[in-house]
């Protein structure tokens, strides 16, 4: 794994696939971050936007059939850096100019993106 530090960073994970959320959480925590969530539903993620201090966000594009663009917009309005994950490849169903991880991704790919935010 990469030797990046996310020490003292609060990272929100929004992912509807339990095993992917678990692996991402463990990878990010191993670099010193505090993981918020994971949130598995859009509604839960939107509550966390308002109710938590978040330094970085990792969001799945599609949460059980709902697009995560409202969460992306909410974090961008607050100045929180966002990375997206998707099983759709690099073509997204909404406009986004930040980093995108295509599933499946490796822990090193995840950390490289999180370290770039």
N, C-alpha and C. Protein backbone atom coordinates (compact mmCIF):
# COMPACT_ATOMS: atom_id res chain seq x y z
N UNK A 1 0.83 -1.19 0.00
CA UNK A 1 0.00 0.00 0.00
C UNK A 1 0.87 1.24 0.00
N UNK A 2 0.33 2.33 -0.49
CA UNK A 2 1.03 3.60 -0.53
C UNK A 2 1.29 4.10 0.88
N UNK A 3 2.32 4.92 1.00
CA UNK A 3 2.68 5.47 2.31
C UNK A 3 2.13 6.89 2.46
N UNK A 4 0.91 7.13 2.04
CA UNK A 4 0.33 8.46 2.21
C UNK A 4 -0.26 8.57 3.60
N UNK A 5 -0.36 9.79 4.06
CA UNK A 5 -0.95 10.01 5.38
C UNK A 5 -2.26 10.77 5.23
N UNK A 6 -3.26 10.27 5.88
CA UNK A 6 -4.53 10.97 5.97
C UNK A 6 -4.79 11.31 7.43
N UNK A 7 -3.70 11.42 8.19
CA UNK A 7 -3.77 11.67 9.63
C UNK A 7 -4.66 12.87 9.93
N UNK A 8 -5.53 12.69 10.90
CA UNK A 8 -6.43 13.74 11.38
C UNK A 8 -7.42 14.24 10.32
N UNK A 9 -7.63 13.47 9.26
CA UNK A 9 -8.61 13.83 8.25
C UNK A 9 -9.88 13.03 8.50
N UNK A 10 -11.01 13.66 8.31
CA UNK A 10 -12.31 12.99 8.41
C UNK A 10 -12.79 12.70 6.99
N UNK A 11 -12.95 11.44 6.67
CA UNK A 11 -13.31 11.02 5.31
C UNK A 11 -14.68 10.35 5.33
N UNK A 12 -15.60 10.92 4.58
CA UNK A 12 -16.93 10.32 4.44
C UNK A 12 -16.90 9.33 3.29
N UNK A 13 -17.40 8.13 3.54
CA UNK A 13 -17.54 7.11 2.50
C UNK A 13 -19.02 6.88 2.27
N UNK A 14 -19.42 7.02 1.00
CA UNK A 14 -20.80 6.78 0.59
C UNK A 14 -20.75 5.68 -0.47
N UNK A 15 -21.19 4.49 -0.08
CA UNK A 15 -21.08 3.31 -0.95
C UNK A 15 -22.16 2.32 -0.56
N UNK A 16 -22.93 1.86 -1.55
CA UNK A 16 -24.03 0.94 -1.25
C UNK A 16 -23.63 -0.53 -1.25
N UNK A 17 -22.41 -0.85 -1.65
CA UNK A 17 -21.94 -2.23 -1.63
C UNK A 17 -21.11 -2.44 -0.37
N UNK A 18 -21.62 -3.26 0.55
CA UNK A 18 -21.02 -3.42 1.87
C UNK A 18 -19.54 -3.76 1.82
N UNK A 19 -19.15 -4.76 1.03
CA UNK A 19 -17.75 -5.19 1.02
C UNK A 19 -16.82 -4.12 0.47
N UNK A 20 -17.27 -3.39 -0.52
CA UNK A 20 -16.46 -2.29 -1.06
C UNK A 20 -16.31 -1.20 -0.01
N UNK A 21 -17.41 -0.88 0.67
CA UNK A 21 -17.37 0.14 1.74
C UNK A 21 -16.43 -0.29 2.86
N UNK A 22 -16.48 -1.56 3.23
CA UNK A 22 -15.63 -2.07 4.30
C UNK A 22 -14.16 -1.99 3.93
N UNK A 23 -13.82 -2.43 2.72
CA UNK A 23 -12.43 -2.39 2.28
C UNK A 23 -11.92 -0.95 2.18
N UNK A 24 -12.74 -0.06 1.64
CA UNK A 24 -12.33 1.35 1.54
C UNK A 24 -12.13 1.93 2.93
N UNK A 25 -13.02 1.63 3.85
CA UNK A 25 -12.91 2.12 5.23
C UNK A 25 -11.61 1.65 5.87
N UNK A 26 -11.33 0.37 5.76
CA UNK A 26 -10.12 -0.19 6.37
C UNK A 26 -8.86 0.42 5.76
N UNK A 27 -8.86 0.60 4.45
CA UNK A 27 -7.70 1.17 3.76
C UNK A 27 -7.46 2.60 4.21
N UNK A 28 -8.51 3.38 4.28
CA UNK A 28 -8.40 4.79 4.66
C UNK A 28 -8.04 4.94 6.13
N UNK A 29 -8.63 4.12 6.99
CA UNK A 29 -8.29 4.16 8.42
C UNK A 29 -6.83 3.78 8.66
N UNK A 30 -6.30 2.86 7.87
CA UNK A 30 -4.91 2.44 8.03
C UNK A 30 -3.93 3.58 7.75
N UNK A 31 -4.39 4.61 7.08
CA UNK A 31 -3.56 5.79 6.79
C UNK A 31 -3.81 6.92 7.77
N UNK A 32 -4.52 6.63 8.85
CA UNK A 32 -4.69 7.60 9.92
C UNK A 32 -5.95 8.43 9.89
N UNK A 33 -6.81 8.21 8.93
CA UNK A 33 -8.04 9.00 8.84
C UNK A 33 -9.12 8.44 9.75
N UNK A 34 -10.06 9.29 10.06
CA UNK A 34 -11.29 8.87 10.72
C UNK A 34 -12.35 8.72 9.64
N UNK A 35 -12.96 7.55 9.56
CA UNK A 35 -13.99 7.32 8.55
C UNK A 35 -15.35 7.68 9.13
N UNK A 36 -16.08 8.46 8.36
CA UNK A 36 -17.47 8.80 8.70
C UNK A 36 -18.34 7.94 7.79
N UNK A 37 -19.30 7.28 8.37
CA UNK A 37 -20.11 6.34 7.61
C UNK A 37 -19.52 4.95 7.76
N UNK A 38 -19.63 4.17 6.74
CA UNK A 38 -20.15 4.51 5.43
C UNK A 38 -21.66 4.73 5.43
N UNK A 39 -22.06 5.61 4.54
CA UNK A 39 -23.49 5.81 4.27
C UNK A 39 -23.84 4.93 3.08
N UNK A 40 -24.94 4.21 3.20
CA UNK A 40 -25.35 3.29 2.14
C UNK A 40 -26.49 3.83 1.29
N UNK A 41 -27.11 4.92 1.75
CA UNK A 41 -28.25 5.50 1.02
C UNK A 41 -28.03 6.99 0.83
N UNK A 42 -28.59 7.53 -0.23
CA UNK A 42 -28.48 8.94 -0.54
C UNK A 42 -28.98 9.80 0.61
N UNK A 43 -30.11 9.43 1.17
CA UNK A 43 -30.71 10.19 2.27
C UNK A 43 -29.74 10.29 3.46
N UNK A 44 -29.09 9.19 3.79
CA UNK A 44 -28.13 9.18 4.90
C UNK A 44 -26.92 10.05 4.59
N UNK A 45 -26.45 10.00 3.36
CA UNK A 45 -25.30 10.81 2.96
C UNK A 45 -25.62 12.29 3.07
N UNK A 46 -26.81 12.69 2.64
CA UNK A 46 -27.20 14.10 2.72
C UNK A 46 -27.27 14.58 4.17
N UNK A 47 -27.71 13.72 5.07
CA UNK A 47 -27.73 14.09 6.50
C UNK A 47 -26.32 14.29 7.02
N UNK A 48 -25.38 13.47 6.57
CA UNK A 48 -24.00 13.59 7.02
C UNK A 48 -23.32 14.84 6.48
N UNK A 49 -23.75 15.32 5.32
CA UNK A 49 -23.21 16.57 4.78
C UNK A 49 -23.42 17.69 5.78
N UNK A 50 -24.61 17.74 6.34
CA UNK A 50 -24.96 18.82 7.26
C UNK A 50 -24.51 18.56 8.69
N UNK A 51 -24.46 17.29 9.09
CA UNK A 51 -24.25 17.00 10.50
C UNK A 51 -22.86 16.57 10.90
N UNK A 52 -21.90 16.56 9.99
CA UNK A 52 -20.56 16.07 10.31
C UNK A 52 -19.49 16.98 9.73
N UNK A 53 -18.34 16.99 10.41
CA UNK A 53 -17.17 17.67 9.85
C UNK A 53 -16.51 16.67 8.90
N UNK A 54 -16.44 17.03 7.65
CA UNK A 54 -15.86 16.16 6.63
C UNK A 54 -14.76 16.92 5.91
N UNK A 55 -13.57 16.29 5.82
CA UNK A 55 -12.44 16.89 5.10
C UNK A 55 -12.37 16.42 3.66
N UNK A 56 -12.74 15.16 3.43
CA UNK A 56 -12.71 14.54 2.11
C UNK A 56 -13.91 13.61 1.99
N UNK A 57 -14.38 13.41 0.75
CA UNK A 57 -15.52 12.52 0.55
C UNK A 57 -15.24 11.57 -0.62
N UNK A 58 -15.59 10.31 -0.41
CA UNK A 58 -15.51 9.27 -1.43
C UNK A 58 -16.93 8.79 -1.67
N UNK A 59 -17.45 9.07 -2.87
CA UNK A 59 -18.87 8.82 -3.15
C UNK A 59 -19.04 7.88 -4.33
N UNK A 60 -19.88 6.88 -4.15
CA UNK A 60 -20.30 6.03 -5.26
C UNK A 60 -21.27 6.85 -6.12
N UNK A 61 -21.16 6.73 -7.43
CA UNK A 61 -22.02 7.48 -8.34
C UNK A 61 -23.48 7.06 -8.20
N UNK A 62 -23.72 5.75 -8.06
CA UNK A 62 -25.08 5.21 -8.03
C UNK A 62 -25.30 4.49 -6.71
N UNK A 63 -26.26 4.98 -5.94
CA UNK A 63 -26.60 4.37 -4.66
C UNK A 63 -27.98 3.73 -4.76
N UNK A 64 -28.01 2.45 -4.98
CA UNK A 64 -29.29 1.73 -5.09
C UNK A 64 -30.24 2.40 -6.08
N UNK A 65 -29.71 2.81 -7.22
CA UNK A 65 -30.54 3.41 -8.26
C UNK A 65 -30.69 4.92 -8.16
N UNK A 66 -30.13 5.55 -7.13
CA UNK A 66 -30.17 7.01 -7.00
C UNK A 66 -28.78 7.58 -7.25
N UNK A 67 -28.71 8.60 -8.09
CA UNK A 67 -27.43 9.23 -8.38
C UNK A 67 -26.99 10.10 -7.21
N UNK A 68 -25.68 10.12 -6.96
CA UNK A 68 -25.14 10.85 -5.81
C UNK A 68 -24.83 12.31 -6.11
N UNK A 69 -25.24 12.82 -7.27
CA UNK A 69 -24.90 14.21 -7.60
C UNK A 69 -25.42 15.25 -6.60
N UNK A 70 -26.55 15.04 -5.89
CA UNK A 70 -26.93 16.03 -4.87
C UNK A 70 -25.90 16.11 -3.73
N UNK A 71 -25.31 14.98 -3.40
CA UNK A 71 -24.28 14.97 -2.34
C UNK A 71 -23.01 15.64 -2.86
N UNK A 72 -22.64 15.34 -4.10
CA UNK A 72 -21.47 15.98 -4.71
C UNK A 72 -21.65 17.50 -4.68
N UNK A 73 -22.79 17.97 -5.12
CA UNK A 73 -23.06 19.42 -5.15
C UNK A 73 -23.00 20.03 -3.76
N UNK A 74 -23.56 19.33 -2.77
CA UNK A 74 -23.56 19.85 -1.39
C UNK A 74 -22.14 19.97 -0.86
N UNK A 75 -21.30 18.98 -1.11
CA UNK A 75 -19.92 19.06 -0.64
C UNK A 75 -19.13 20.11 -1.40
N UNK A 76 -19.33 20.19 -2.70
CA UNK A 76 -18.63 21.21 -3.47
C UNK A 76 -18.99 22.61 -2.98
N UNK A 77 -20.24 22.82 -2.62
CA UNK A 77 -20.68 24.12 -2.10
C UNK A 77 -19.98 24.45 -0.78
N UNK A 78 -19.61 23.42 -0.02
CA UNK A 78 -18.91 23.61 1.26
C UNK A 78 -17.39 23.61 1.10
N UNK A 79 -16.91 23.40 -0.13
CA UNK A 79 -15.47 23.37 -0.37
C UNK A 79 -14.79 22.07 0.02
N UNK A 80 -15.56 20.99 0.15
CA UNK A 80 -15.00 19.69 0.52
C UNK A 80 -14.60 18.93 -0.75
N UNK A 81 -13.33 18.51 -0.86
CA UNK A 81 -12.90 17.74 -2.02
C UNK A 81 -13.62 16.39 -2.10
N UNK A 82 -13.98 16.01 -3.32
CA UNK A 82 -14.75 14.79 -3.55
C UNK A 82 -14.07 13.94 -4.62
N UNK A 83 -14.04 12.63 -4.38
CA UNK A 83 -13.67 11.65 -5.41
C UNK A 83 -14.87 10.73 -5.59
N UNK A 84 -15.07 10.30 -6.83
CA UNK A 84 -16.19 9.40 -7.13
C UNK A 84 -15.68 8.00 -7.43
N UNK A 85 -16.53 7.00 -7.14
CA UNK A 85 -16.29 5.63 -7.56
C UNK A 85 -17.48 5.21 -8.42
N UNK A 86 -17.19 4.36 -9.40
CA UNK A 86 -18.26 3.93 -10.29
C UNK A 86 -17.94 2.61 -10.96
N UNK A 87 -18.96 1.87 -11.25
CA UNK A 87 -18.84 0.67 -12.05
C UNK A 87 -19.17 0.94 -13.51
N UNK A 88 -19.43 2.20 -13.84
CA UNK A 88 -19.84 2.58 -15.19
C UNK A 88 -18.68 2.96 -16.09
N UNK A 89 -17.46 2.93 -15.64
CA UNK A 89 -16.34 3.40 -16.43
C UNK A 89 -16.19 4.90 -16.25
N UNK A 90 -15.45 5.53 -17.13
CA UNK A 90 -15.15 6.96 -16.98
C UNK A 90 -16.30 7.87 -17.43
N UNK A 91 -17.31 7.33 -18.09
CA UNK A 91 -18.45 8.14 -18.52
C UNK A 91 -19.46 8.20 -17.38
N UNK A 92 -19.66 9.40 -16.86
CA UNK A 92 -20.56 9.58 -15.72
C UNK A 92 -21.92 10.10 -16.17
N UNK A 93 -22.97 9.80 -15.40
CA UNK A 93 -24.31 10.27 -15.75
C UNK A 93 -24.57 11.73 -15.33
N UNK A 94 -23.56 12.39 -14.76
CA UNK A 94 -23.68 13.81 -14.43
C UNK A 94 -22.30 14.45 -14.53
N UNK A 95 -22.26 15.76 -14.61
CA UNK A 95 -21.02 16.50 -14.78
C UNK A 95 -20.20 16.49 -13.50
N UNK A 96 -18.91 16.14 -13.62
CA UNK A 96 -18.01 16.11 -12.48
C UNK A 96 -16.59 16.25 -12.99
N UNK A 97 -15.82 17.14 -12.38
CA UNK A 97 -14.46 17.38 -12.87
C UNK A 97 -13.37 16.83 -11.95
N UNK A 98 -13.75 16.16 -10.86
CA UNK A 98 -12.76 15.62 -9.94
C UNK A 98 -12.31 14.22 -10.32
N UNK A 99 -11.53 13.59 -9.44
CA UNK A 99 -11.04 12.24 -9.72
C UNK A 99 -12.15 11.19 -9.65
N UNK A 100 -12.01 10.19 -10.53
CA UNK A 100 -12.99 9.10 -10.60
C UNK A 100 -12.23 7.77 -10.55
N UNK A 101 -12.62 6.92 -9.62
CA UNK A 101 -12.08 5.56 -9.52
C UNK A 101 -13.08 4.60 -10.15
N UNK A 102 -12.62 3.80 -11.10
CA UNK A 102 -13.48 2.81 -11.72
C UNK A 102 -13.35 1.50 -10.95
N UNK A 103 -14.50 0.94 -10.56
CA UNK A 103 -14.52 -0.34 -9.85
C UNK A 103 -14.27 -1.48 -10.83
N UNK A 104 -13.56 -2.47 -10.40
CA UNK A 104 -12.89 -2.60 -9.11
C UNK A 104 -11.60 -1.78 -9.10
N UNK A 105 -11.27 -1.23 -7.96
CA UNK A 105 -10.02 -0.48 -7.80
C UNK A 105 -9.21 -1.11 -6.68
N UNK A 106 -7.91 -0.87 -6.71
CA UNK A 106 -7.03 -1.44 -5.70
C UNK A 106 -6.89 -0.46 -4.53
N UNK A 107 -6.44 -0.95 -3.37
CA UNK A 107 -6.17 -0.03 -2.27
C UNK A 107 -5.17 1.07 -2.65
N UNK A 108 -4.15 0.72 -3.43
CA UNK A 108 -3.18 1.74 -3.85
C UNK A 108 -3.82 2.80 -4.74
N UNK A 109 -4.72 2.39 -5.63
CA UNK A 109 -5.42 3.37 -6.47
C UNK A 109 -6.29 4.28 -5.61
N UNK A 110 -6.98 3.70 -4.63
CA UNK A 110 -7.80 4.49 -3.72
C UNK A 110 -6.96 5.51 -2.98
N UNK A 111 -5.84 5.08 -2.42
CA UNK A 111 -5.00 5.98 -1.65
C UNK A 111 -4.36 7.06 -2.51
N UNK A 112 -4.00 6.72 -3.74
CA UNK A 112 -3.44 7.73 -4.64
C UNK A 112 -4.46 8.84 -4.89
N UNK A 113 -5.71 8.46 -5.10
CA UNK A 113 -6.76 9.46 -5.32
C UNK A 113 -7.02 10.26 -4.06
N UNK A 114 -7.14 9.59 -2.92
CA UNK A 114 -7.42 10.31 -1.67
C UNK A 114 -6.26 11.25 -1.32
N UNK A 115 -5.05 10.82 -1.60
CA UNK A 115 -3.89 11.67 -1.34
C UNK A 115 -3.80 12.87 -2.25
N UNK A 116 -4.46 12.80 -3.41
CA UNK A 116 -4.43 13.91 -4.37
C UNK A 116 -5.48 14.98 -4.06
N UNK A 117 -6.41 14.67 -3.16
CA UNK A 117 -7.49 15.62 -2.86
C UNK A 117 -7.02 16.73 -1.93
